Protein backbone atom coordinates (compact mmCIF):
# COMPACT_ATOMS: atom_id res chain seq x y z
CA MET A 1 55.14 98.37 180.64
CA LEU A 2 52.19 99.66 180.05
CA PRO A 3 49.84 98.31 182.48
CA GLY A 4 52.57 99.86 184.94
CA TRP A 5 52.65 103.19 183.19
CA ALA A 6 48.15 103.18 183.15
CA LEU A 7 48.25 102.00 187.25
CA LEU A 8 50.73 104.71 188.26
CA GLY A 9 49.63 107.24 185.80
CA VAL A 10 46.23 107.18 187.23
CA VAL A 11 46.94 107.26 191.05
CA ALA A 12 49.22 109.85 190.16
CA ALA A 13 46.70 112.18 188.81
CA VAL A 14 44.09 111.33 191.59
CA GLY A 15 46.79 112.23 194.45
CA ALA A 16 47.80 115.43 192.12
CA ALA A 17 44.15 116.41 192.15
CA ARG A 18 43.90 115.67 195.66
CA ALA A 19 46.97 117.97 196.94
CA VAL A 20 45.19 120.31 194.72
CA LEU A 21 41.19 120.27 195.50
CA ALA A 22 41.48 118.98 198.89
CA PRO A 23 45.34 119.16 200.95
CA GLY A 24 44.33 117.81 203.69
CA LEU A 25 42.91 114.73 202.49
CA SER A 26 44.57 111.51 203.00
CA VAL A 27 44.25 107.55 202.28
CA PRO A 28 43.97 106.01 205.35
CA ARG A 29 46.87 104.21 206.55
CA SER A 30 45.26 100.79 206.40
CA TYR A 31 44.46 101.48 203.03
CA GLN A 32 47.64 101.99 202.00
CA PHE A 33 49.07 98.38 203.22
CA VAL A 34 46.91 96.55 200.72
CA PRO A 35 49.36 96.67 198.11
CA LEU A 36 52.32 95.54 200.16
CA LEU A 37 49.98 92.80 201.44
CA ALA A 38 48.85 91.45 198.37
CA SER A 39 52.56 91.57 197.29
CA VAL A 40 53.05 88.60 199.40
CA ALA A 41 51.21 86.13 197.08
CA VAL A 42 50.67 88.68 193.79
CA LEU A 43 54.16 89.65 191.96
CA GLY A 44 56.46 90.42 194.81
CA LEU A 45 57.93 87.75 197.01
CA PRO A 46 57.16 85.74 194.31
CA HIS A 47 59.57 87.79 191.39
CA GLY A 48 62.73 86.49 193.48
CA ALA A 49 61.23 83.38 194.58
CA VAL A 50 62.54 81.73 190.75
CA ASP A 51 66.27 83.11 191.73
CA HIS A 52 67.37 79.22 192.29
CA LEU A 53 66.72 78.57 188.58
CA THR A 54 67.53 81.89 186.78
CA PRO A 55 71.42 81.40 186.47
CA ALA A 56 71.12 77.69 184.98
CA ARG A 57 68.25 79.46 182.31
CA ALA A 58 70.23 82.38 181.72
CA ARG A 59 73.31 80.41 180.36
CA GLY A 60 70.16 78.15 178.23
CA ARG A 61 70.12 75.19 180.02
CA GLN A 62 67.94 73.06 182.62
CA ALA A 63 69.24 73.96 186.44
CA THR A 64 70.71 70.83 187.92
CA VAL A 65 70.34 70.07 192.28
CA ARG A 66 74.45 71.17 191.96
CA ASP A 67 72.80 75.14 190.32
CA ILE A 68 70.03 75.09 193.36
CA GLY A 69 71.86 74.14 196.14
CA ALA A 70 74.75 76.94 195.06
CA VAL A 71 71.82 79.56 194.88
CA GLY A 72 70.50 78.41 198.26
CA LEU A 73 73.86 78.63 199.56
CA LEU A 74 74.01 82.52 198.70
CA TYR A 75 70.15 83.22 200.04
CA ALA A 76 71.66 81.19 203.38
CA ALA A 77 75.29 82.95 203.73
CA LEU A 78 74.20 86.70 202.80
CA GLY A 79 71.05 86.66 203.86
CA GLY A 80 71.54 85.05 206.90
CA LEU A 81 74.21 87.59 207.56
CA TYR A 82 72.09 90.45 206.36
CA ALA A 83 69.33 89.62 208.81
CA LEU A 84 71.42 89.11 211.67
CA LEU A 85 72.69 93.11 211.33
CA TRP A 86 68.82 93.71 212.20
CA PHE A 87 69.48 92.58 215.54
CA VAL A 88 72.74 93.76 216.07
CA VAL A 89 72.60 97.17 214.56
CA PRO A 90 69.19 97.98 212.83
CA VAL A 91 69.46 101.51 211.75
CA ALA A 92 72.84 100.57 210.49
CA ALA A 93 70.34 97.65 208.59
CA PHE A 94 67.78 100.18 207.70
CA VAL A 95 70.18 102.15 205.90
CA VAL A 96 71.55 99.32 203.88
CA PHE A 97 67.84 98.27 202.86
CA ILE A 98 67.86 101.50 201.32
CA GLY A 99 70.86 101.96 199.50
CA LEU A 100 70.59 98.28 198.48
CA THR A 101 67.06 98.91 196.94
CA TRP A 102 67.98 101.87 195.32
CA LEU A 103 70.45 100.31 193.55
CA HIS A 104 68.18 97.35 193.30
CA TRP A 105 65.36 98.89 191.37
CA GLY A 106 67.78 101.22 189.38
CA GLN A 107 69.14 98.15 188.16
CA GLY A 108 66.21 96.73 186.96
CA GLU A 109 65.32 99.69 184.96
CA VAL A 110 68.21 100.02 183.19
CA HIS A 111 67.74 96.54 181.84
CA SER A 112 63.88 97.61 180.96
CA LEU A 113 64.99 100.43 178.95
CA GLY A 114 67.98 98.88 177.19
CA ALA A 115 66.54 95.56 175.99
CA VAL A 116 63.02 95.98 176.22
CA ALA A 117 62.08 99.89 175.29
CA GLY A 118 65.26 99.78 173.10
CA VAL A 119 66.47 102.92 173.74
CA ASP A 120 69.61 103.81 172.02
CA HIS A 121 70.99 106.61 174.41
CA LEU A 122 72.51 104.00 177.20
CA GLU A 123 75.79 103.41 175.36
CA THR A 124 78.39 103.19 178.19
CA PRO A 125 78.77 101.06 181.18
CA ALA A 126 79.31 104.88 183.02
CA GLN A 127 76.17 106.09 181.46
CA ARG A 128 73.76 103.02 182.26
CA VAL A 129 75.39 103.30 185.90
CA LEU A 130 73.85 106.98 186.32
CA THR A 131 71.05 105.95 184.93
CA ALA A 132 70.32 103.64 187.56
CA LEU A 133 71.44 105.46 190.04
CA ALA A 134 69.52 108.12 188.95
CA ARG A 135 65.88 105.63 188.65
CA GLY A 136 66.58 104.54 192.27
CA THR A 137 66.03 107.60 194.04
CA LEU A 138 62.68 107.36 192.95
CA PRO A 139 60.83 105.56 194.80
CA MET A 140 63.66 105.52 197.73
CA LEU A 141 64.27 109.10 198.11
CA VAL A 142 61.10 111.19 196.56
CA PRO A 143 59.28 110.16 199.35
CA LEU A 144 61.45 111.06 201.79
CA VAL A 145 61.44 114.84 200.42
CA ALA A 146 57.63 114.75 199.48
CA PHE A 147 56.25 113.00 202.69
CA PRO A 148 58.72 112.98 205.77
CA GLY A 149 56.44 112.31 208.64
CA GLU A 150 55.19 108.94 206.60
CA TYR A 151 58.73 108.19 205.66
CA ARG A 152 60.01 108.48 209.50
CA PHE A 153 57.04 106.63 210.58
CA VAL A 154 58.26 103.66 208.43
CA ALA A 155 61.99 103.68 209.58
CA GLU A 156 60.72 104.28 213.01
CA THR A 157 58.89 100.91 213.02
CA LEU A 158 61.52 98.90 211.11
CA VAL A 159 63.91 99.82 213.39
CA GLY A 160 62.03 99.52 216.56
CA LEU A 161 60.84 96.02 215.67
CA PHE A 162 64.41 95.42 216.95
CA GLY A 163 64.52 97.68 220.05
CA GLY A 164 66.17 100.22 218.04
CA SER A 165 66.06 104.17 217.45
CA LEU A 166 67.32 106.12 214.59
CA GLY A 167 69.47 108.27 216.31
CA PRO A 168 71.45 110.43 213.81
CA LEU A 169 69.20 109.10 211.07
CA THR A 170 66.34 112.56 212.29
CA ALA A 171 68.64 114.54 210.48
CA ALA A 172 67.60 113.28 207.12
CA PHE A 173 63.83 114.21 208.27
CA THR A 174 64.71 118.25 208.67
CA THR A 175 64.30 120.68 206.38
CA THR A 176 67.88 121.08 205.74
CA GLY A 177 68.64 116.91 205.47
CA ARG A 178 65.69 116.87 202.63
CA LEU A 179 66.93 119.92 200.75
CA ALA A 180 70.02 117.97 200.38
CA VAL A 181 68.21 114.79 199.56
CA ALA A 182 66.26 116.41 196.92
CA MET A 183 69.64 118.14 195.47
CA LEU A 184 70.88 114.90 194.83
CA VAL A 185 67.77 113.49 193.19
CA GLY A 186 67.83 116.59 191.10
CA GLY A 187 71.10 116.32 190.26
CA LEU A 188 71.08 112.51 189.31
CA LEU A 189 67.64 113.09 187.34
CA VAL A 190 68.70 115.60 185.24
CA GLY A 191 72.61 114.86 184.49
CA SER A 192 71.09 111.25 183.37
CA LEU A 193 68.26 112.50 180.94
CA ALA A 194 70.89 115.61 179.70
CA LEU A 195 73.51 113.33 178.88
CA GLY A 196 71.11 111.17 177.60
CA TYR A 197 69.86 113.55 174.96
CA LEU A 198 73.01 114.46 173.75
CA ARG A 199 73.48 111.13 173.05
CA ALA A 200 70.28 109.98 171.70
CA GLY A 201 69.91 108.85 168.14
CA SER A 202 66.40 109.00 168.11
CA LEU A 203 64.36 111.35 170.55
CA ARG A 204 61.31 108.35 171.21
CA GLY A 205 63.05 106.51 173.25
CA TRP A 206 64.68 109.15 174.88
CA ALA A 207 61.39 110.51 175.36
CA LEU A 208 60.34 107.46 176.74
CA ASP A 209 62.59 107.63 179.22
CA ALA A 210 62.08 111.17 180.38
CA GLY A 211 58.25 110.53 180.15
CA GLU A 212 58.72 107.46 182.80
CA VAL A 213 61.19 109.99 184.68
CA GLY A 214 58.40 112.57 184.80
CA LEU A 215 55.38 109.80 185.52
CA LEU A 216 57.58 108.54 188.84
CA VAL A 217 58.45 111.97 190.12
CA ALA A 218 54.79 112.82 190.04
CA PHE A 219 53.63 109.30 191.40
CA PHE A 220 55.68 109.38 194.06
CA ALA A 221 55.54 113.35 194.95
CA PHE A 222 51.47 112.74 195.77
CA VAL A 223 51.29 109.36 196.63
CA GLU A 224 51.57 108.40 200.45
CA PRO A 225 55.02 106.23 200.27
CA ILE A 226 53.51 103.04 201.88
CA LEU A 227 50.65 103.07 199.19
CA ALA A 228 52.93 104.27 196.49
CA VAL A 229 55.88 102.05 196.80
CA GLY A 230 53.41 99.15 197.54
CA LEU A 231 52.02 99.77 194.47
CA TYR A 232 55.55 100.43 192.52
CA PHE A 233 56.93 97.29 193.95
CA THR A 234 54.36 95.10 192.76
CA CYS A 235 52.94 96.72 189.29
CA TRP A 236 56.19 98.00 188.06
CA HIS A 237 59.57 96.45 189.17
CA ALA A 238 58.40 93.14 189.85
CA LEU A 239 55.78 92.57 186.90
CA ARG A 240 59.02 93.48 184.97
CA HIS A 241 61.20 91.28 186.33
CA VAL A 242 58.98 88.50 186.03
CA GLY A 243 58.68 89.28 181.82
CA ARG A 244 62.29 89.19 182.11
CA LEU A 245 62.13 85.59 183.54
CA MET A 246 60.22 84.52 181.21
CA ALA A 247 62.14 85.49 178.70
CA LEU A 248 64.68 82.97 179.76
CA ASP A 249 61.86 80.15 180.18
CA PRO A 250 61.66 78.68 176.50
CA ASP A 251 58.42 77.47 177.16
CA ALA A 252 56.75 80.72 179.27
CA ARG A 253 58.24 82.67 175.93
CA ALA A 254 56.85 79.99 173.55
CA ALA A 255 53.45 80.49 175.36
CA LEU A 256 53.49 84.22 175.40
CA ALA A 257 54.55 84.50 171.46
CA ASP A 258 51.62 82.32 170.78
CA GLY A 259 49.30 85.11 172.95
CA HIS A 260 49.34 82.58 175.80
CA THR A 261 50.01 84.62 178.52
CA GLY A 262 47.58 82.65 181.24
CA ALA A 263 49.72 79.88 180.45
CA ALA A 264 53.40 81.70 180.77
CA LEU A 265 51.95 83.20 184.19
CA THR A 266 51.03 79.59 185.17
CA ARG A 267 54.22 78.67 184.41
CA PHE A 268 56.05 81.49 186.10
CA THR A 269 53.46 80.74 189.33
CA ARG A 270 54.43 76.92 189.80
CA ASP A 271 58.20 77.94 189.52
CA ALA A 272 58.03 80.74 192.58
CA THR A 273 55.51 78.74 194.49
CA PRO A 274 57.66 76.64 196.91
CA LEU A 275 60.31 79.46 197.74
CA THR A 276 57.26 81.61 198.09
CA LEU A 277 55.66 79.55 200.81
CA ALA A 278 58.91 78.99 202.18
CA SER A 279 59.73 82.65 202.53
CA LEU A 280 56.38 82.85 204.72
CA ALA A 281 57.71 80.60 206.84
CA LEU A 282 60.98 82.68 207.73
CA LEU A 283 58.49 85.17 207.92
CA GLY A 284 56.49 83.01 211.01
CA GLY A 285 60.49 82.21 212.28
CA LEU A 286 61.13 85.85 212.25
CA ALA A 287 57.80 86.95 214.23
CA LEU A 288 59.30 84.79 217.06
CA LEU A 289 62.67 85.76 216.96
CA VAL A 290 62.47 89.80 216.91
CA PRO A 291 62.83 91.46 220.28
CA THR A 292 59.44 93.18 220.08
CA SER A 293 57.00 91.16 219.40
CA PRO A 294 54.87 92.40 216.31
CA ALA A 295 51.52 94.23 217.84
CA GLY A 296 49.34 95.25 214.89
CA LEU A 297 48.71 95.81 211.23
CA PRO A 298 52.15 98.27 210.76
CA ASP A 299 54.84 96.25 212.89
CA LEU A 300 53.58 93.15 210.49
CA VAL A 301 54.33 94.99 207.38
CA GLY A 302 57.23 96.24 208.66
CA LEU A 303 57.85 92.48 210.07
CA TYR A 304 57.44 91.40 206.04
CA LEU A 305 59.79 94.49 204.81
CA VAL A 306 62.30 92.98 207.07
CA LEU A 307 61.99 89.76 205.50
CA ILE A 308 62.23 91.31 202.01
CA ALA A 309 65.17 93.22 203.36
CA ALA A 310 66.90 89.88 203.91
CA LEU A 311 65.65 88.24 200.81
CA THR A 312 67.04 91.45 198.80
CA LEU A 313 70.65 91.29 199.11
CA PRO A 314 70.77 88.05 197.68
CA HIS A 315 68.16 88.28 194.78
CA VAL A 316 70.97 90.97 194.20
CA ALA A 317 73.64 88.92 193.77
CA VAL A 318 71.42 86.55 191.48
CA VAL A 319 70.19 89.48 189.17
CA ALA A 320 73.87 91.02 188.81
CA ASP A 321 75.29 87.54 187.45
CA LEU A 322 71.73 87.90 185.22
CA ASP A 323 72.93 91.30 184.17
CA ARG A 324 76.56 89.80 183.40
CA THR A 325 75.21 87.07 180.79
CA GLN A 326 72.55 89.87 179.16
CA THR A 327 75.59 91.97 178.71
CA VAL A 328 73.77 94.94 180.63
CA TRP A 329 77.15 96.50 182.22
CA THR A 330 79.11 96.35 178.75
CA PRO A 331 78.74 97.86 175.84
CA GLY A 332 76.58 97.14 172.93
CA THR A 333 72.94 95.54 172.80
CA MET A 334 71.16 93.91 176.05
CA ARG A 335 69.83 90.96 175.58
CA LEU A 336 66.35 89.37 176.49
CA THR A 337 66.85 86.06 176.37
CA SER A 338 69.53 83.40 177.63
CA GLN A 339 73.08 83.91 176.62
CA SER A 340 72.80 81.13 174.21
CA GLU A 341 70.34 82.61 172.11
């Protein structure tokens, strides 16, 4: 958790200082794309490329051909149907992407808080759901409030690849729309933290929760969305999920216990490489199929985000199964390792 805190904290501090000292200065968009481009090979795309092994490992056994085939069929069915939605109703697909990522990134935060940080104020399933909803607004909705022009640029790029337009979604970028979004974000965050404070047995865990929320609010409020989401995706969400996956792998876990972090990461990389390469092949196929051929770096990154969107839906299903085996949404202590350990 510490690397994510440090990196995002430094970038947030620089962004806040720039807003005060040089409010007209911004990071060139070409540089903002760097973290997203790096995520193709480093943590981002690979963090979901071990899904074919995860259900079996969560149950304390090695994956069989049947296990791998079942996950493959899940990806083909859910990912294929959602990819088709982009071609048929791209603006609806974009809304689904935002909502799905909101839920998924919040989903990951609950496990990190409960199983890794060991906070004691997430007592009930309802409180955990509220925390997931609140945390998920930070990367998905705070940038809309703080940088509506940049957010709209991304939306128009993704939808435009499929010949669509934002239509009624333009209302979200108005002052009234952004105010409504800000009220939703504020209500969820305040409600989550207030309830946590009332139920906390120790203020240490609650302070960690509140501190992360404060850090992420500042980060997404002061850092341009493309750069901020790229850094968060790679160095916060994906990094935490990779740690969760390595805890399921007995060999990687043993290497970590011996202080051999490099060996554990090498093992994860070996497991993730085949499906990472397969995903890149899908990206090439998608580039040939979209109605509007990618004409520059923004379009290529937009196409990559569409691929991530298509892969996220089945990935969420796999993580939901992992959550169930690690008792994330049931009362009691969340698991770090497999069901059998």
